[in-house]
Amino acid sequence: MKWLRSVPIPFRQVPQGSEYGFTLVEILLAVALVAMMATLVFGSLYATTSAIDTVRTQSANEQIVRSTLRVMADELSVSAPPTKELPWVGINALYDGQPADTIAFLTMGEFRGAESVKNTETVRIVYIREGDRLLRFARKNLYGMTDESVEQVELATRVKGFNVRYYDSKSNLWLDEWDGQRLGTPKAILIELTLLQEKTELQTVRQWVALGAS
């Protein structure tokens, strides 16, 4: 049996590219493929998240605008009959090429920012756009001559348009301005409030208000 020990055992080489290993090129290709898939997945996830955040922001901003218009509608809907000295007034104006109207009217009861007002007290309300702000001025003492009788509340910021139209039941027409001394009280009002949102997008929300004038 000594002759078996002298027989050389052949060395078996593993052929290149076999199933027993990977080449450097294959590893690099696999890494590149994984990186490309990760980029696609995370890019799609980022785009989806950004779209959701944008929708949520727009929805929140619209809710704020609608809440502001709802407050205005509540005050307008309980407007008091105008007097000869303090009639309904609707001024049509522009600022930077966009609507910047003004409304002035009498209303009854409490309003935001003036807890001292009684439910039966008549208040003069003025809505006006000043620059990029929508303001409300309220005068409790209608014939007061001092600043103490006027209260100011900021209703909205980043305002790019405040447009008001008035419905005249006698002529069945919508008017851009209103002369209360000649026309009395409008039948209905359409308020359009335009705000500058994120990414320089403009958003306009409309509110109808029926006044019940005959």
N, C-alpha and C. Protein backbone atom coordinates (compact mmCIF):
# COMPACT_ATOMS: atom_id res chain seq x y z
N MET A 1 0.83 -1.21 0.00
CA MET A 1 0.00 0.00 0.00
C MET A 1 0.85 1.25 0.00
N LYS A 2 2.19 1.06 0.03
CA LYS A 2 3.03 2.23 0.05
C LYS A 2 2.96 3.01 -1.24
N TRP A 3 2.56 2.33 -2.33
CA TRP A 3 2.53 3.02 -3.61
C TRP A 3 1.43 4.04 -3.67
N LEU A 4 0.35 3.91 -2.85
CA LEU A 4 -0.75 4.87 -2.85
C LEU A 4 -0.31 6.22 -2.28
N ARG A 5 0.67 6.14 -1.37
CA ARG A 5 1.12 7.37 -0.75
C ARG A 5 1.93 8.23 -1.73
N SER A 6 2.49 7.58 -2.71
CA SER A 6 3.32 8.31 -3.64
C SER A 6 2.57 8.88 -4.83
N VAL A 7 1.27 8.52 -4.91
CA VAL A 7 0.47 9.03 -6.03
C VAL A 7 0.06 10.45 -5.75
N PRO A 8 0.42 11.40 -6.58
CA PRO A 8 0.05 12.82 -6.32
C PRO A 8 -1.45 13.05 -6.52
N ILE A 9 -2.03 13.84 -5.62
CA ILE A 9 -3.46 14.18 -5.71
C ILE A 9 -3.59 15.47 -6.51
N PRO A 10 -4.34 15.43 -7.61
CA PRO A 10 -4.45 16.65 -8.44
C PRO A 10 -5.18 17.75 -7.70
N PHE A 11 -4.73 19.03 -7.87
CA PHE A 11 -5.36 20.21 -7.25
C PHE A 11 -6.44 20.74 -8.18
N ARG A 12 -7.68 20.85 -7.65
CA ARG A 12 -8.83 21.31 -8.45
C ARG A 12 -9.03 22.80 -8.27
N GLN A 13 -8.92 23.55 -9.32
CA GLN A 13 -9.10 24.99 -9.27
C GLN A 13 -10.57 25.35 -9.52
N VAL A 14 -11.05 26.37 -8.78
CA VAL A 14 -12.43 26.86 -8.95
C VAL A 14 -12.46 27.79 -10.15
N PRO A 15 -13.23 27.45 -11.14
CA PRO A 15 -13.28 28.29 -12.34
C PRO A 15 -13.81 29.68 -12.00
N GLN A 16 -13.30 30.66 -12.71
CA GLN A 16 -13.75 32.03 -12.51
C GLN A 16 -15.21 32.17 -12.91
N GLY A 17 -15.94 33.00 -12.12
CA GLY A 17 -17.33 33.26 -12.45
C GLY A 17 -18.25 32.13 -12.07
N SER A 18 -17.80 31.16 -11.26
CA SER A 18 -18.67 30.05 -10.89
C SER A 18 -19.57 30.46 -9.74
N GLU A 19 -20.37 29.51 -9.26
CA GLU A 19 -21.34 29.79 -8.21
C GLU A 19 -20.71 29.87 -6.83
N TYR A 20 -19.42 29.64 -6.75
CA TYR A 20 -18.75 29.62 -5.46
C TYR A 20 -18.28 31.02 -5.03
N GLY A 21 -18.49 32.09 -5.82
CA GLY A 21 -18.03 33.41 -5.45
C GLY A 21 -18.53 34.49 -6.40
N PHE A 22 -18.32 35.78 -6.00
CA PHE A 22 -18.74 36.92 -6.80
C PHE A 22 -17.51 37.73 -7.19
N THR A 23 -17.61 38.26 -8.37
CA THR A 23 -16.53 39.12 -8.82
C THR A 23 -16.76 40.54 -8.30
N LEU A 24 -15.76 41.37 -8.34
CA LEU A 24 -15.87 42.77 -7.90
C LEU A 24 -16.89 43.53 -8.72
N VAL A 25 -16.96 43.24 -10.00
CA VAL A 25 -17.93 43.92 -10.88
C VAL A 25 -19.35 43.58 -10.46
N GLU A 26 -19.60 42.32 -10.14
CA GLU A 26 -20.95 41.92 -9.71
C GLU A 26 -21.34 42.60 -8.41
N ILE A 27 -20.39 42.70 -7.49
CA ILE A 27 -20.68 43.37 -6.21
C ILE A 27 -21.00 44.85 -6.43
N LEU A 28 -20.23 45.51 -7.29
CA LEU A 28 -20.48 46.92 -7.57
C LEU A 28 -21.83 47.12 -8.23
N LEU A 29 -22.19 46.23 -9.14
CA LEU A 29 -23.50 46.31 -9.79
C LEU A 29 -24.63 46.13 -8.78
N ALA A 30 -24.45 45.21 -7.86
CA ALA A 30 -25.49 44.98 -6.84
C ALA A 30 -25.64 46.20 -5.94
N VAL A 31 -24.51 46.78 -5.53
CA VAL A 31 -24.57 47.98 -4.68
C VAL A 31 -25.23 49.13 -5.42
N ALA A 32 -24.91 49.32 -6.69
CA ALA A 32 -25.51 50.39 -7.48
C ALA A 32 -27.01 50.18 -7.63
N LEU A 33 -27.42 48.92 -7.81
CA LEU A 33 -28.85 48.64 -7.96
C LEU A 33 -29.60 48.93 -6.66
N VAL A 34 -29.02 48.52 -5.54
CA VAL A 34 -29.64 48.79 -4.24
C VAL A 34 -29.74 50.30 -4.00
N ALA A 35 -28.68 51.03 -4.32
CA ALA A 35 -28.69 52.49 -4.14
C ALA A 35 -29.75 53.15 -5.01
N MET A 36 -29.89 52.66 -6.25
CA MET A 36 -30.90 53.23 -7.15
C MET A 36 -32.31 52.97 -6.63
N MET A 37 -32.55 51.74 -6.13
CA MET A 37 -33.87 51.41 -5.59
C MET A 37 -34.17 52.26 -4.35
N ALA A 38 -33.15 52.46 -3.49
CA ALA A 38 -33.36 53.27 -2.29
C ALA A 38 -33.67 54.73 -2.66
N THR A 39 -32.99 55.24 -3.69
CA THR A 39 -33.25 56.61 -4.13
C THR A 39 -34.67 56.76 -4.64
N LEU A 40 -35.13 55.79 -5.40
CA LEU A 40 -36.49 55.84 -5.93
C LEU A 40 -37.52 55.77 -4.80
N VAL A 41 -37.29 54.87 -3.84
CA VAL A 41 -38.25 54.70 -2.75
C VAL A 41 -38.31 55.95 -1.88
N PHE A 42 -37.15 56.45 -1.46
CA PHE A 42 -37.13 57.61 -0.58
C PHE A 42 -37.56 58.88 -1.31
N GLY A 43 -37.25 58.97 -2.60
CA GLY A 43 -37.72 60.12 -3.38
C GLY A 43 -39.23 60.14 -3.48
N SER A 44 -39.82 58.98 -3.73
CA SER A 44 -41.28 58.89 -3.79
C SER A 44 -41.90 59.19 -2.44
N LEU A 45 -41.28 58.69 -1.36
CA LEU A 45 -41.79 58.96 -0.02
C LEU A 45 -41.72 60.44 0.32
N TYR A 46 -40.62 61.11 -0.06
CA TYR A 46 -40.48 62.54 0.20
C TYR A 46 -41.52 63.35 -0.58
N ALA A 47 -41.73 62.97 -1.84
CA ALA A 47 -42.73 63.69 -2.65
C ALA A 47 -44.12 63.52 -2.06
N THR A 48 -44.43 62.30 -1.61
CA THR A 48 -45.74 62.06 -1.01
C THR A 48 -45.92 62.84 0.28
N THR A 49 -44.87 62.84 1.12
CA THR A 49 -44.95 63.59 2.38
C THR A 49 -45.09 65.09 2.14
N SER A 50 -44.35 65.61 1.16
CA SER A 50 -44.44 67.04 0.85
C SER A 50 -45.83 67.40 0.35
N ALA A 51 -46.41 66.52 -0.49
CA ALA A 51 -47.76 66.78 -1.00
C ALA A 51 -48.78 66.78 0.12
N ILE A 52 -48.64 65.85 1.06
CA ILE A 52 -49.56 65.79 2.20
C ILE A 52 -49.43 67.04 3.07
N ASP A 53 -48.18 67.46 3.32
CA ASP A 53 -47.96 68.67 4.13
C ASP A 53 -48.55 69.90 3.44
N THR A 54 -48.40 69.97 2.11
CA THR A 54 -48.95 71.11 1.37
C THR A 54 -50.47 71.15 1.47
N VAL A 55 -51.10 69.98 1.33
CA VAL A 55 -52.56 69.91 1.42
C VAL A 55 -53.02 70.30 2.81
N ARG A 56 -52.31 69.83 3.82
CA ARG A 56 -52.69 70.16 5.19
C ARG A 56 -52.54 71.66 5.46
N THR A 57 -51.46 72.25 4.96
CA THR A 57 -51.25 73.68 5.15
C THR A 57 -52.34 74.49 4.45
N GLN A 58 -52.66 74.12 3.21
CA GLN A 58 -53.70 74.82 2.48
C GLN A 58 -55.04 74.68 3.18
N SER A 59 -55.31 73.48 3.70
CA SER A 59 -56.58 73.25 4.39
C SER A 59 -56.66 74.10 5.66
N ALA A 60 -55.54 74.17 6.40
CA ALA A 60 -55.52 74.98 7.62
C ALA A 60 -55.70 76.46 7.31
N ASN A 61 -55.03 76.93 6.26
CA ASN A 61 -55.16 78.34 5.86
C ASN A 61 -56.58 78.65 5.41
N GLU A 62 -57.16 77.74 4.65
CA GLU A 62 -58.53 77.96 4.19
C GLU A 62 -59.49 77.98 5.37
N GLN A 63 -59.23 77.15 6.37
CA GLN A 63 -60.08 77.13 7.54
C GLN A 63 -60.02 78.46 8.29
N ILE A 64 -58.82 79.04 8.35
CA ILE A 64 -58.66 80.34 9.00
C ILE A 64 -59.44 81.42 8.24
N VAL A 65 -59.32 81.39 6.91
CA VAL A 65 -60.03 82.38 6.10
C VAL A 65 -61.53 82.23 6.26
N ARG A 66 -62.00 81.00 6.23
CA ARG A 66 -63.45 80.77 6.35
C ARG A 66 -63.94 81.19 7.74
N SER A 67 -63.13 80.97 8.76
CA SER A 67 -63.52 81.40 10.11
C SER A 67 -63.62 82.92 10.18
N THR A 68 -62.67 83.60 9.53
CA THR A 68 -62.72 85.06 9.48
C THR A 68 -63.97 85.55 8.77
N LEU A 69 -64.26 84.96 7.62
CA LEU A 69 -65.45 85.36 6.88
C LEU A 69 -66.73 85.03 7.65
N ARG A 70 -66.70 83.94 8.42
CA ARG A 70 -67.88 83.58 9.19
C ARG A 70 -68.17 84.62 10.27
N VAL A 71 -67.10 85.14 10.89
CA VAL A 71 -67.28 86.20 11.89
C VAL A 71 -67.88 87.44 11.24
N MET A 72 -67.36 87.78 10.07
CA MET A 72 -67.89 88.94 9.36
C MET A 72 -69.35 88.72 8.97
N ALA A 73 -69.65 87.51 8.51
CA ALA A 73 -71.03 87.22 8.09
C ALA A 73 -71.99 87.31 9.27
N ASP A 74 -71.55 86.84 10.45
CA ASP A 74 -72.41 86.91 11.63
C ASP A 74 -72.73 88.36 11.98
N GLU A 75 -71.73 89.23 11.91
CA GLU A 75 -71.98 90.64 12.23
C GLU A 75 -72.85 91.31 11.18
N LEU A 76 -72.60 90.99 9.93
CA LEU A 76 -73.39 91.60 8.86
C LEU A 76 -74.84 91.13 8.89
N SER A 77 -75.05 89.88 9.26
CA SER A 77 -76.42 89.34 9.25
C SER A 77 -77.30 89.97 10.32
N VAL A 78 -76.70 90.52 11.37
CA VAL A 78 -77.48 91.19 12.42
C VAL A 78 -77.27 92.70 12.37
N SER A 79 -76.98 93.20 11.18
CA SER A 79 -76.78 94.64 11.04
C SER A 79 -78.05 95.40 11.40
N ALA A 80 -77.86 96.53 12.03
CA ALA A 80 -78.98 97.36 12.46
C ALA A 80 -79.40 98.29 11.32
N PRO A 81 -80.64 98.75 11.35
CA PRO A 81 -81.07 99.71 10.33
C PRO A 81 -80.18 100.95 10.34
N PRO A 82 -79.73 101.39 9.20
CA PRO A 82 -78.85 102.56 9.16
C PRO A 82 -79.60 103.84 9.50
N THR A 83 -78.86 104.81 9.91
CA THR A 83 -79.43 106.13 10.17
C THR A 83 -79.00 107.09 9.06
N LYS A 84 -79.59 108.26 9.06
CA LYS A 84 -79.24 109.24 8.05
C LYS A 84 -77.80 109.69 8.22
N GLU A 85 -77.38 109.79 9.48
CA GLU A 85 -76.01 110.22 9.74
C GLU A 85 -75.01 109.09 9.55
N LEU A 86 -75.43 107.84 9.76
CA LEU A 86 -74.54 106.68 9.67
C LEU A 86 -75.15 105.63 8.75
N PRO A 87 -75.12 105.86 7.45
CA PRO A 87 -75.73 104.92 6.50
C PRO A 87 -74.80 103.76 6.19
N TRP A 88 -75.35 102.79 5.47
CA TRP A 88 -74.53 101.73 4.90
C TRP A 88 -73.58 102.35 3.88
N VAL A 89 -72.32 101.94 3.91
CA VAL A 89 -71.33 102.46 2.97
C VAL A 89 -70.50 101.30 2.42
N GLY A 90 -70.37 101.23 1.10
CA GLY A 90 -69.49 100.26 0.46
C GLY A 90 -68.60 100.97 -0.54
N ILE A 91 -67.31 101.05 -0.24
CA ILE A 91 -66.36 101.79 -1.09
C ILE A 91 -65.56 100.80 -1.91
N ASN A 92 -65.53 101.02 -3.20
CA ASN A 92 -64.76 100.17 -4.11
C ASN A 92 -63.40 100.81 -4.35
N ALA A 93 -62.31 100.07 -4.06
CA ALA A 93 -60.97 100.63 -4.20
C ALA A 93 -59.99 99.54 -4.60
N LEU A 94 -58.77 99.97 -4.98
CA LEU A 94 -57.70 99.06 -5.38
C LEU A 94 -56.43 99.39 -4.62
N TYR A 95 -55.62 98.35 -4.38
CA TYR A 95 -54.30 98.52 -3.80
C TYR A 95 -53.37 97.53 -4.49
N ASP A 96 -52.32 98.04 -5.12
CA ASP A 96 -51.41 97.21 -5.92
C ASP A 96 -52.15 96.42 -6.99
N GLY A 97 -53.17 97.05 -7.55
CA GLY A 97 -53.92 96.41 -8.62
C GLY A 97 -54.92 95.38 -8.17
N GLN A 98 -55.08 95.17 -6.86
CA GLN A 98 -56.00 94.17 -6.33
C GLN A 98 -57.07 94.87 -5.48
N PRO A 99 -58.27 94.23 -5.35
CA PRO A 99 -59.36 94.86 -4.60
C PRO A 99 -58.97 95.19 -3.17
N ALA A 100 -59.34 96.36 -2.74
CA ALA A 100 -59.11 96.80 -1.36
C ALA A 100 -60.33 97.61 -0.93
N ASP A 101 -61.47 96.93 -0.82
CA ASP A 101 -62.74 97.59 -0.54
C ASP A 101 -62.87 97.94 0.94
N THR A 102 -63.91 98.71 1.23
CA THR A 102 -64.22 99.10 2.60
C THR A 102 -65.73 98.99 2.81
N ILE A 103 -66.13 98.44 3.97
CA ILE A 103 -67.54 98.37 4.34
C ILE A 103 -67.72 99.09 5.67
N ALA A 104 -68.80 99.84 5.79
CA ALA A 104 -69.15 100.49 7.05
C ALA A 104 -70.64 100.31 7.29
N PHE A 105 -71.00 99.84 8.50
CA PHE A 105 -72.42 99.58 8.79
C PHE A 105 -72.62 99.58 10.29
N LEU A 106 -73.86 99.56 10.70
CA LEU A 106 -74.23 99.46 12.11
C LEU A 106 -74.62 98.01 12.41
N THR A 107 -74.27 97.56 13.61
CA THR A 107 -74.66 96.22 14.03
C THR A 107 -75.05 96.25 15.49
N MET A 108 -75.72 95.18 15.93
CA MET A 108 -76.22 95.09 17.30
C MET A 108 -75.46 94.00 18.05
N GLY A 109 -75.24 94.21 19.35
CA GLY A 109 -74.72 93.16 20.19
C GLY A 109 -73.22 93.15 20.30
N GLU A 110 -72.72 92.09 20.96
CA GLU A 110 -71.30 91.97 21.22
C GLU A 110 -70.54 91.62 19.95
N PHE A 111 -69.28 91.98 19.90
CA PHE A 111 -68.40 91.61 18.79
C PHE A 111 -67.04 91.28 19.36
N ARG A 112 -66.27 90.55 18.63
CA ARG A 112 -64.98 90.08 19.12
C ARG A 112 -64.06 91.26 19.44
N GLY A 113 -63.45 91.20 20.62
CA GLY A 113 -62.51 92.24 21.02
C GLY A 113 -63.13 93.36 21.81
N ALA A 114 -64.43 93.25 22.14
CA ALA A 114 -65.10 94.31 22.91
C ALA A 114 -66.10 93.67 23.85
N GLU A 115 -65.62 93.14 24.98
CA GLU A 115 -66.50 92.46 25.92
C GLU A 115 -67.42 93.41 26.65
N SER A 116 -67.08 94.70 26.65
CA SER A 116 -67.88 95.66 27.39
C SER A 116 -69.15 96.07 26.66
N VAL A 117 -69.27 95.66 25.39
CA VAL A 117 -70.44 96.06 24.62
C VAL A 117 -71.66 95.26 25.06
N LYS A 118 -72.76 95.92 25.26
CA LYS A 118 -74.00 95.25 25.65
C LYS A 118 -74.71 94.69 24.41
N ASN A 119 -75.60 93.73 24.68
CA ASN A 119 -76.31 93.08 23.58
C ASN A 119 -77.21 94.05 22.83
N THR A 120 -77.67 95.08 23.50
CA THR A 120 -78.59 96.02 22.89
C THR A 120 -77.90 97.26 22.38
N GLU A 121 -76.58 97.31 22.47
CA GLU A 121 -75.86 98.52 22.07
C GLU A 121 -75.54 98.49 20.58
N THR A 122 -75.76 99.60 19.94
CA THR A 122 -75.46 99.72 18.51
C THR A 122 -73.99 100.09 18.32
N VAL A 123 -73.35 99.39 17.40
CA VAL A 123 -71.92 99.58 17.17
C VAL A 123 -71.70 99.86 15.68
N ARG A 124 -70.82 100.78 15.41
CA ARG A 124 -70.43 101.08 14.03
C ARG A 124 -69.21 100.24 13.69
N ILE A 125 -69.33 99.38 12.67
CA ILE A 125 -68.26 98.48 12.26
C ILE A 125 -67.72 98.92 10.90
N VAL A 126 -66.41 98.89 10.75
CA VAL A 126 -65.77 99.19 9.48
C VAL A 126 -64.77 98.08 9.18
N TYR A 127 -64.92 97.44 8.02
CA TYR A 127 -63.94 96.49 7.53
C TYR A 127 -63.14 97.18 6.43
N ILE A 128 -61.82 97.12 6.53
CA ILE A 128 -60.99 97.81 5.56
C ILE A 128 -59.68 97.04 5.36
N ARG A 129 -59.21 97.04 4.13
CA ARG A 129 -57.89 96.46 3.85
C ARG A 129 -56.86 97.58 3.87
N GLU A 130 -55.84 97.38 4.70
CA GLU A 130 -54.71 98.32 4.76
C GLU A 130 -53.44 97.55 4.44
N GLY A 131 -52.92 97.73 3.25
CA GLY A 131 -51.74 96.97 2.83
C GLY A 131 -52.06 95.50 2.71
N ASP A 132 -51.34 94.67 3.46
CA ASP A 132 -51.59 93.23 3.41
C ASP A 132 -52.38 92.76 4.62
N ARG A 133 -53.10 93.67 5.28
CA ARG A 133 -53.90 93.31 6.44
C ARG A 133 -55.37 93.66 6.22
N LEU A 134 -56.24 92.82 6.81
CA LEU A 134 -57.67 93.12 6.85
C LEU A 134 -58.00 93.50 8.28
N LEU A 135 -58.52 94.71 8.45
CA LEU A 135 -58.76 95.24 9.79
C LEU A 135 -60.25 95.46 10.02
N ARG A 136 -60.62 95.40 11.30
CA ARG A 136 -61.97 95.78 11.71
C ARG A 136 -61.85 96.89 12.74
N PHE A 137 -62.53 98.00 12.46
CA PHE A 137 -62.63 99.09 13.42
C PHE A 137 -64.05 99.11 13.96
N ALA A 138 -64.19 99.26 15.27
CA ALA A 138 -65.50 99.29 15.90
C ALA A 138 -65.60 100.51 16.79
N ARG A 139 -66.66 101.27 16.63
CA ARG A 139 -66.88 102.46 17.45
C ARG A 139 -68.13 102.22 18.28
N LYS A 140 -67.93 102.15 19.60
CA LYS A 140 -69.07 101.94 20.49
C LYS A 140 -69.85 103.25 20.69
N ASN A 141 -69.11 104.29 20.96
CA ASN A 141 -69.73 105.61 21.11
C ASN A 141 -69.82 106.22 19.70
N LEU A 142 -70.99 106.10 19.09
CA LEU A 142 -71.13 106.46 17.68
C LEU A 142 -70.79 107.91 17.40
N TYR A 143 -70.98 108.75 18.35
CA TYR A 143 -70.72 110.17 18.12
C TYR A 143 -69.52 110.66 18.94
N GLY A 144 -68.71 109.71 19.39
CA GLY A 144 -67.53 110.08 20.15
C GLY A 144 -66.45 110.65 19.24
N MET A 145 -65.69 111.54 19.76
CA MET A 145 -64.66 112.21 18.98
C MET A 145 -63.26 111.81 19.41
N THR A 146 -63.15 110.88 20.38
CA THR A 146 -61.84 110.49 20.89
C THR A 146 -61.49 109.09 20.40
N ASP A 147 -60.20 108.77 20.42
CA ASP A 147 -59.73 107.47 19.98
C ASP A 147 -60.15 106.36 20.93
N GLU A 148 -60.48 106.70 22.20
CA GLU A 148 -60.87 105.68 23.15
C GLU A 148 -62.15 104.97 22.76
N SER A 149 -62.96 105.62 21.92
CA SER A 149 -64.23 105.02 21.52
C SER A 149 -64.08 104.07 20.33
N VAL A 150 -62.87 103.92 19.80
CA VAL A 150 -62.62 103.08 18.63
C VAL A 150 -61.71 101.92 19.03
N GLU A 151 -62.11 100.71 18.66
CA GLU A 151 -61.29 99.53 18.90
C GLU A 151 -60.91 98.90 17.57
N GLN A 152 -59.68 98.42 17.48
CA GLN A 152 -59.16 97.85 16.24
C GLN A 152 -58.80 96.39 16.46
N VAL A 153 -59.19 95.54 15.49
CA VAL A 153 -58.87 94.12 15.52
C VAL A 153 -58.32 93.72 14.15
N GLU A 154 -57.22 92.98 14.15
CA GLU A 154 -56.66 92.48 12.90
C GLU A 154 -57.31 91.14 12.57
N LEU A 155 -58.03 91.10 11.46
CA LEU A 155 -58.76 89.89 11.07
C LEU A 155 -57.88 88.91 10.29
N ALA A 156 -57.01 89.41 9.43
CA ALA A 156 -56.19 88.52 8.59
C ALA A 156 -54.96 89.27 8.13
N THR A 157 -53.92 88.49 7.82
CA THR A 157 -52.68 89.04 7.27
C THR A 157 -52.41 88.39 5.92
N ARG A 158 -51.40 88.88 5.23
CA ARG A 158 -51.02 88.41 3.89
C ARG A 158 -52.20 88.51 2.93
N VAL A 159 -53.00 89.55 3.12
CA VAL A 159 -54.18 89.77 2.29
C VAL A 159 -53.76 90.38 0.95
N LYS A 160 -54.22 89.80 -0.13
CA LYS A 160 -53.93 90.31 -1.47
C LYS A 160 -55.19 90.78 -2.19
N GLY A 161 -56.32 90.60 -1.58
CA GLY A 161 -57.55 91.08 -2.20
C GLY A 161 -58.71 91.02 -1.22
N PHE A 162 -59.48 92.10 -1.15
CA PHE A 162 -60.70 92.16 -0.35
C PHE A 162 -61.76 92.84 -1.19
N ASN A 163 -62.61 92.00 -1.80
CA ASN A 163 -63.60 92.50 -2.74
C ASN A 163 -65.01 92.24 -2.21
N VAL A 164 -65.87 93.25 -2.26
CA VAL A 164 -67.23 93.13 -1.77
C VAL A 164 -68.19 93.60 -2.86
N ARG A 165 -69.26 92.81 -3.07
CA ARG A 165 -70.30 93.20 -4.02
C ARG A 165 -71.64 93.20 -3.31
N TYR A 166 -72.53 94.06 -3.77
CA TYR A 166 -73.80 94.30 -3.09
C TYR A 166 -74.95 94.05 -4.07
N TYR A 167 -75.97 93.35 -3.56
CA TYR A 167 -77.13 93.06 -4.41
C TYR A 167 -78.23 94.06 -4.15
N ASP A 168 -78.65 94.75 -5.21
CA ASP A 168 -79.72 95.73 -5.15
C ASP A 168 -81.01 95.05 -5.60
N SER A 169 -81.93 94.84 -4.65
CA SER A 169 -83.17 94.13 -4.97
C SER A 169 -84.09 94.94 -5.89
N LYS A 170 -83.92 96.26 -5.92
CA LYS A 170 -84.78 97.08 -6.76
C LYS A 170 -84.41 96.95 -8.24
N SER A 171 -83.13 96.96 -8.51
CA SER A 171 -82.68 96.85 -9.90
C SER A 171 -82.26 95.43 -10.27
N ASN A 172 -82.25 94.53 -9.26
CA ASN A 172 -81.82 93.14 -9.48
C ASN A 172 -80.41 93.08 -10.09
N LEU A 173 -79.52 93.91 -9.56
CA LEU A 173 -78.15 93.97 -10.07
C LEU A 173 -77.15 93.87 -8.91
N TRP A 174 -75.99 93.31 -9.23
CA TRP A 174 -74.88 93.31 -8.29
C TRP A 174 -74.03 94.55 -8.54
N LEU A 175 -73.76 95.29 -7.48
CA LEU A 175 -73.01 96.53 -7.58
C LEU A 175 -71.66 96.40 -6.88
N ASP A 176 -70.67 97.10 -7.41
CA ASP A 176 -69.33 97.06 -6.83
C ASP A 176 -69.17 98.01 -5.65
N GLU A 177 -70.07 98.97 -5.52
CA GLU A 177 -70.05 99.88 -4.37
C GLU A 177 -71.47 100.19 -3.96
N TRP A 178 -71.62 100.75 -2.76
CA TRP A 178 -72.95 100.94 -2.22
C TRP A 178 -73.09 102.31 -1.57
N ASP A 179 -74.15 103.01 -1.97
CA ASP A 179 -74.48 104.31 -1.41
C ASP A 179 -75.71 104.14 -0.54
N GLY A 180 -75.49 104.02 0.77
CA GLY A 180 -76.59 103.75 1.68
C GLY A 180 -77.58 104.90 1.80
N GLN A 181 -77.13 106.13 1.64
CA GLN A 181 -78.05 107.26 1.73
C GLN A 181 -79.08 107.23 0.61
N ARG A 182 -78.69 106.69 -0.52
CA ARG A 182 -79.61 106.63 -1.66
C ARG A 182 -80.31 105.29 -1.80
N LEU A 183 -79.62 104.21 -1.42
CA LEU A 183 -80.15 102.87 -1.66
C LEU A 183 -80.60 102.15 -0.40
N GLY A 184 -80.27 102.69 0.77
CA GLY A 184 -80.67 102.02 2.00
C GLY A 184 -79.72 100.87 2.34
N THR A 185 -80.30 99.68 2.56
CA THR A 185 -79.51 98.50 2.94
C THR A 185 -79.55 97.47 1.81
N PRO A 186 -78.41 96.89 1.46
CA PRO A 186 -78.42 95.88 0.38
C PRO A 186 -79.17 94.62 0.80
N LYS A 187 -79.66 93.92 -0.19
CA LYS A 187 -80.37 92.66 0.05
C LYS A 187 -79.42 91.55 0.45
N ALA A 188 -78.28 91.51 -0.20
CA ALA A 188 -77.27 90.48 0.07
C ALA A 188 -75.89 91.02 -0.26
N ILE A 189 -74.88 90.34 0.27
CA ILE A 189 -73.50 90.76 0.06
C ILE A 189 -72.66 89.53 -0.31
N LEU A 190 -71.73 89.72 -1.22
CA LEU A 190 -70.76 88.68 -1.57
C LEU A 190 -69.37 89.21 -1.21
N ILE A 191 -68.69 88.49 -0.30
CA ILE A 191 -67.35 88.87 0.13
C ILE A 191 -66.34 87.90 -0.47
N GLU A 192 -65.30 88.44 -1.06
CA GLU A 192 -64.20 87.64 -1.61
C GLU A 192 -62.90 88.06 -0.93
N LEU A 193 -62.28 87.11 -0.25
CA LEU A 193 -61.04 87.38 0.46
C LEU A 193 -59.93 86.54 -0.14
N THR A 194 -58.88 87.21 -0.63
CA THR A 194 -57.75 86.52 -1.27
C THR A 194 -56.51 86.69 -0.40
N LEU A 195 -55.89 85.56 -0.05
CA LEU A 195 -54.69 85.56 0.77
C LEU A 195 -53.54 84.92 0.02
N LEU A 196 -52.33 85.38 0.33
CA LEU A 196 -51.12 84.80 -0.24
C LEU A 196 -50.71 83.61 0.62
N GLN A 197 -50.69 82.42 0.01
CA GLN A 197 -50.33 81.21 0.74
C GLN A 197 -48.87 80.86 0.49
N GLU A 198 -48.49 79.64 0.88
CA GLU A 198 -47.12 79.18 0.68
C GLU A 198 -46.80 79.10 -0.80
N LYS A 199 -45.51 79.28 -1.13
CA LYS A 199 -45.01 79.18 -2.50
C LYS A 199 -45.71 80.18 -3.42
N THR A 200 -46.02 81.35 -2.87
CA THR A 200 -46.60 82.49 -3.61
C THR A 200 -47.89 82.11 -4.34
N GLU A 201 -48.67 81.21 -3.77
CA GLU A 201 -49.96 80.85 -4.35
C GLU A 201 -51.06 81.70 -3.73
N LEU A 202 -51.99 82.14 -4.56
CA LEU A 202 -53.13 82.94 -4.09
C LEU A 202 -54.33 82.02 -3.87
N GLN A 203 -55.03 82.25 -2.78
CA GLN A 203 -56.22 81.47 -2.46
C GLN A 203 -57.36 82.42 -2.17
N THR A 204 -58.47 82.24 -2.89
CA THR A 204 -59.64 83.10 -2.72
C THR A 204 -60.79 82.29 -2.16
N VAL A 205 -61.39 82.81 -1.10
CA VAL A 205 -62.55 82.18 -0.46
C VAL A 205 -63.70 83.18 -0.48
N ARG A 206 -64.90 82.68 -0.79
CA ARG A 206 -66.08 83.55 -0.92
C ARG A 206 -67.10 83.23 0.15
N GLN A 207 -67.82 84.26 0.55
CA GLN A 207 -68.86 84.11 1.58
C GLN A 207 -70.08 84.95 1.19
N TRP A 208 -71.25 84.28 1.12
CA TRP A 208 -72.49 84.98 0.86
C TRP A 208 -73.15 85.36 2.18
N VAL A 209 -73.75 86.54 2.22
CA VAL A 209 -74.45 86.99 3.41
C VAL A 209 -75.78 87.59 2.97
N ALA A 210 -76.88 86.99 3.45
CA ALA A 210 -78.21 87.53 3.18
C ALA A 210 -78.61 88.44 4.34
N LEU A 211 -79.04 89.65 4.02
CA LEU A 211 -79.37 90.63 5.04
C LEU A 211 -80.86 90.74 5.29
N GLY A 212 -81.66 90.17 4.40
CA GLY A 212 -83.10 90.21 4.60
C GLY A 212 -83.73 91.55 4.37
N ALA A 213 -83.02 92.43 3.63
CA ALA A 213 -83.60 93.75 3.33
C ALA A 213 -84.65 93.62 2.25
N SER A 214 -85.65 94.37 2.34
CA SER A 214 -86.72 94.33 1.35
C SER A 214 -86.50 95.38 0.28
